[in-house]
Amino acid sequence: MSRITAEERERRRRAVDNARHSTEMEGGRSSENMREAQEAYVRGEIDLDDLIEQAQHSYIPTRTLFLPVAPVQAYLACETAD
């Protein structure tokens, strides 16, 4: 993945923080592996497609592990619509 701007990094940070908050409000928590992937996404080491792929491969349907990609996608869609 290519380098991202500080603005893009901040946009990704807000999206990930929003996704985590949404997950926690639903009573869930993303796994440590998913959190590591989210941080890699924020740093620009992976793109959203890679993050989604990692989430799909690590998803285990329990209340403690949650697929936190949909809130990231929704948040990013709202930001790009402005």
N, C-alpha and C. Protein backbone atom coordinates (compact mmCIF):
# COMPACT_ATOMS: atom_id res chain seq x y z
N MET A 1 0.85 -1.18 0.00
CA MET A 1 0.00 0.00 0.00
C MET A 1 0.89 1.23 0.00
N SER A 2 0.48 2.22 -0.74
CA SER A 2 1.28 3.44 -0.81
C SER A 2 1.10 4.28 0.45
N ARG A 3 1.94 5.26 0.59
CA ARG A 3 1.86 6.15 1.74
C ARG A 3 0.57 6.95 1.66
N ILE A 4 0.00 7.25 2.81
CA ILE A 4 -1.21 8.05 2.85
C ILE A 4 -0.91 9.40 3.50
N THR A 5 -1.75 10.37 3.21
CA THR A 5 -1.58 11.70 3.78
C THR A 5 -2.00 11.72 5.24
N ALA A 6 -1.59 12.74 5.94
CA ALA A 6 -2.01 12.90 7.34
C ALA A 6 -3.52 13.05 7.41
N GLU A 7 -4.10 13.72 6.44
CA GLU A 7 -5.56 13.88 6.41
C GLU A 7 -6.26 12.53 6.25
N GLU A 8 -5.74 11.69 5.36
CA GLU A 8 -6.32 10.36 5.17
C GLU A 8 -6.13 9.51 6.42
N ARG A 9 -4.98 9.62 7.05
CA ARG A 9 -4.73 8.87 8.28
C ARG A 9 -5.74 9.28 9.36
N GLU A 10 -6.01 10.56 9.48
CA GLU A 10 -6.97 11.04 10.47
C GLU A 10 -8.38 10.56 10.12
N ARG A 11 -8.73 10.56 8.86
CA ARG A 11 -10.04 10.08 8.42
C ARG A 11 -10.20 8.60 8.77
N ARG A 12 -9.14 7.82 8.54
CA ARG A 12 -9.17 6.40 8.88
C ARG A 12 -9.25 6.19 10.39
N ARG A 13 -8.54 7.02 11.15
CA ARG A 13 -8.58 6.92 12.62
C ARG A 13 -10.00 7.15 13.11
N ARG A 14 -10.66 8.19 12.59
CA ARG A 14 -12.04 8.46 13.01
C ARG A 14 -12.96 7.30 12.65
N ALA A 15 -12.77 6.74 11.46
CA ALA A 15 -13.61 5.62 11.02
C ALA A 15 -13.42 4.40 11.92
N VAL A 16 -12.19 4.08 12.25
CA VAL A 16 -11.91 2.93 13.11
C VAL A 16 -12.43 3.19 14.53
N ASP A 17 -12.20 4.39 15.04
CA ASP A 17 -12.70 4.70 16.39
C ASP A 17 -14.22 4.62 16.42
N ASN A 18 -14.88 5.11 15.37
CA ASN A 18 -16.33 5.05 15.29
C ASN A 18 -16.80 3.60 15.24
N ALA A 19 -16.12 2.78 14.46
CA ALA A 19 -16.49 1.36 14.36
C ALA A 19 -16.33 0.66 15.70
N ARG A 20 -15.25 0.93 16.39
CA ARG A 20 -15.03 0.31 17.70
C ARG A 20 -16.10 0.75 18.69
N HIS A 21 -16.41 2.03 18.68
CA HIS A 21 -17.43 2.55 19.58
C HIS A 21 -18.78 1.89 19.29
N SER A 22 -19.13 1.79 18.02
CA SER A 22 -20.38 1.16 17.62
C SER A 22 -20.44 -0.29 18.09
N THR A 23 -19.34 -1.00 17.92
CA THR A 23 -19.25 -2.39 18.35
C THR A 23 -19.44 -2.51 19.85
N GLU A 24 -18.78 -1.64 20.60
CA GLU A 24 -18.88 -1.68 22.05
C GLU A 24 -20.28 -1.30 22.53
N MET A 25 -20.93 -0.38 21.84
CA MET A 25 -22.30 0.00 22.21
C MET A 25 -23.26 -1.16 22.00
N GLU A 26 -22.92 -2.07 21.10
CA GLU A 26 -23.74 -3.25 20.85
C GLU A 26 -23.38 -4.40 21.80
N GLY A 27 -22.41 -4.16 22.67
CA GLY A 27 -22.02 -5.17 23.64
C GLY A 27 -20.91 -6.09 23.17
N GLY A 28 -20.27 -5.76 22.06
CA GLY A 28 -19.20 -6.60 21.52
C GLY A 28 -17.84 -5.96 21.69
N ARG A 29 -16.86 -6.65 21.20
CA ARG A 29 -15.48 -6.14 21.19
C ARG A 29 -14.75 -6.87 20.09
N SER A 30 -14.01 -6.13 19.29
CA SER A 30 -13.24 -6.77 18.23
C SER A 30 -12.05 -7.52 18.83
N SER A 31 -11.63 -8.57 18.14
CA SER A 31 -10.50 -9.37 18.62
C SER A 31 -9.21 -8.57 18.52
N GLU A 32 -8.19 -9.05 19.21
CA GLU A 32 -6.88 -8.39 19.14
C GLU A 32 -6.34 -8.42 17.71
N ASN A 33 -6.54 -9.53 17.00
CA ASN A 33 -6.09 -9.61 15.61
C ASN A 33 -6.79 -8.58 14.75
N MET A 34 -8.10 -8.39 14.98
CA MET A 34 -8.84 -7.40 14.20
C MET A 34 -8.39 -6.00 14.55
N ARG A 35 -8.11 -5.76 15.82
CA ARG A 35 -7.61 -4.44 16.22
C ARG A 35 -6.25 -4.15 15.58
N GLU A 36 -5.42 -5.16 15.48
CA GLU A 36 -4.12 -4.98 14.82
C GLU A 36 -4.33 -4.65 13.34
N ALA A 37 -5.29 -5.32 12.70
CA ALA A 37 -5.58 -5.04 11.30
C ALA A 37 -6.14 -3.62 11.14
N GLN A 38 -6.98 -3.20 12.07
CA GLN A 38 -7.52 -1.84 12.02
C GLN A 38 -6.40 -0.81 12.12
N GLU A 39 -5.45 -1.07 13.03
CA GLU A 39 -4.34 -0.13 13.18
C GLU A 39 -3.46 -0.09 11.92
N ALA A 40 -3.28 -1.25 11.29
CA ALA A 40 -2.53 -1.29 10.02
C ALA A 40 -3.26 -0.48 8.96
N TYR A 41 -4.58 -0.54 8.96
CA TYR A 41 -5.39 0.25 8.04
C TYR A 41 -5.20 1.74 8.31
N VAL A 42 -5.23 2.14 9.57
CA VAL A 42 -5.04 3.55 9.93
C VAL A 42 -3.68 4.04 9.46
N ARG A 43 -2.65 3.21 9.63
CA ARG A 43 -1.29 3.60 9.22
C ARG A 43 -1.09 3.58 7.71
N GLY A 44 -2.04 3.02 6.97
CA GLY A 44 -1.92 2.95 5.52
C GLY A 44 -1.16 1.74 5.03
N GLU A 45 -0.96 0.76 5.90
CA GLU A 45 -0.23 -0.45 5.52
C GLU A 45 -1.12 -1.41 4.73
N ILE A 46 -2.44 -1.32 4.94
CA ILE A 46 -3.40 -2.11 4.17
C ILE A 46 -4.54 -1.19 3.75
N ASP A 47 -5.28 -1.60 2.71
CA ASP A 47 -6.43 -0.80 2.30
C ASP A 47 -7.71 -1.40 2.84
N LEU A 48 -8.84 -0.77 2.55
CA LEU A 48 -10.11 -1.23 3.11
C LEU A 48 -10.45 -2.64 2.64
N ASP A 49 -10.15 -2.96 1.40
CA ASP A 49 -10.41 -4.33 0.91
C ASP A 49 -9.64 -5.36 1.73
N ASP A 50 -8.38 -5.05 2.06
CA ASP A 50 -7.58 -5.96 2.89
C ASP A 50 -8.17 -6.09 4.29
N LEU A 51 -8.64 -4.98 4.84
CA LEU A 51 -9.24 -5.00 6.17
C LEU A 51 -10.50 -5.86 6.16
N ILE A 52 -11.32 -5.70 5.14
CA ILE A 52 -12.54 -6.51 5.02
C ILE A 52 -12.19 -7.99 4.91
N GLU A 53 -11.20 -8.29 4.08
CA GLU A 53 -10.79 -9.69 3.91
C GLU A 53 -10.32 -10.30 5.24
N GLN A 54 -9.52 -9.54 5.97
CA GLN A 54 -9.04 -10.06 7.26
C GLN A 54 -10.20 -10.25 8.23
N ALA A 55 -11.15 -9.33 8.21
CA ALA A 55 -12.31 -9.45 9.09
C ALA A 55 -13.13 -10.69 8.75
N GLN A 56 -13.32 -10.92 7.47
CA GLN A 56 -14.11 -12.08 7.05
C GLN A 56 -13.43 -13.39 7.43
N HIS A 57 -12.11 -13.42 7.39
CA HIS A 57 -11.40 -14.65 7.73
C HIS A 57 -11.28 -14.87 9.24
N SER A 58 -11.41 -13.81 10.01
CA SER A 58 -11.25 -13.95 11.46
C SER A 58 -12.57 -13.94 12.20
N TYR A 59 -13.67 -13.81 11.49
CA TYR A 59 -14.97 -13.70 12.15
C TYR A 59 -15.38 -15.00 12.82
N ILE A 60 -15.69 -14.89 14.10
CA ILE A 60 -16.24 -15.99 14.88
C ILE A 60 -17.51 -15.44 15.53
N PRO A 61 -18.65 -16.04 15.28
CA PRO A 61 -19.91 -15.45 15.78
C PRO A 61 -20.11 -15.62 17.29
N THR A 62 -19.53 -14.71 18.04
CA THR A 62 -19.76 -14.64 19.48
C THR A 62 -19.98 -13.19 19.85
N ARG A 63 -20.35 -12.92 21.06
CA ARG A 63 -20.57 -11.53 21.47
C ARG A 63 -19.24 -10.84 21.77
N THR A 64 -18.16 -11.58 21.94
CA THR A 64 -16.89 -10.93 22.25
C THR A 64 -16.07 -10.65 21.01
N LEU A 65 -16.35 -11.34 19.92
CA LEU A 65 -15.66 -11.07 18.67
C LEU A 65 -16.71 -10.60 17.67
N PHE A 66 -16.48 -9.44 17.09
CA PHE A 66 -17.49 -8.81 16.25
C PHE A 66 -16.86 -8.38 14.95
N LEU A 67 -17.61 -8.47 13.88
CA LEU A 67 -17.13 -8.04 12.57
C LEU A 67 -17.27 -6.53 12.47
N PRO A 68 -16.22 -5.76 12.75
CA PRO A 68 -16.35 -4.31 12.86
C PRO A 68 -16.05 -3.54 11.58
N VAL A 69 -16.28 -4.15 10.44
CA VAL A 69 -15.96 -3.47 9.18
C VAL A 69 -17.12 -2.65 8.66
N ALA A 70 -18.33 -3.15 8.80
CA ALA A 70 -19.50 -2.43 8.29
C ALA A 70 -19.57 -1.00 8.84
N PRO A 71 -19.35 -0.77 10.14
CA PRO A 71 -19.37 0.61 10.62
C PRO A 71 -18.27 1.47 9.99
N VAL A 72 -17.12 0.90 9.70
CA VAL A 72 -16.05 1.66 9.04
C VAL A 72 -16.52 2.05 7.65
N GLN A 73 -17.08 1.11 6.91
CA GLN A 73 -17.56 1.40 5.57
C GLN A 73 -18.65 2.46 5.61
N ALA A 74 -19.58 2.36 6.53
CA ALA A 74 -20.67 3.33 6.63
C ALA A 74 -20.13 4.71 6.96
N TYR A 75 -19.19 4.79 7.88
CA TYR A 75 -18.61 6.07 8.27
C TYR A 75 -17.88 6.70 7.09
N LEU A 76 -17.10 5.91 6.39
CA LEU A 76 -16.36 6.43 5.24
C LEU A 76 -17.31 6.88 4.15
N ALA A 77 -18.41 6.17 3.94
CA ALA A 77 -19.38 6.55 2.92
C ALA A 77 -20.01 7.89 3.26
N CYS A 78 -20.29 8.13 4.53
CA CYS A 78 -20.86 9.41 4.94
C CYS A 78 -19.88 10.55 4.72
N GLU A 79 -18.62 10.32 5.01
CA GLU A 79 -17.62 11.36 4.84
C GLU A 79 -17.39 11.70 3.37
N THR A 80 -17.42 10.72 2.49
CA THR A 80 -17.17 10.99 1.08
C THR A 80 -18.39 11.58 0.40
N ALA A 81 -19.57 11.49 1.03
CA ALA A 81 -20.79 12.04 0.44
C ALA A 81 -20.84 13.56 0.63
N ASP A 82 -20.07 14.09 1.57
CA ASP A 82 -20.08 15.54 1.84
C ASP A 82 -19.45 16.34 0.74
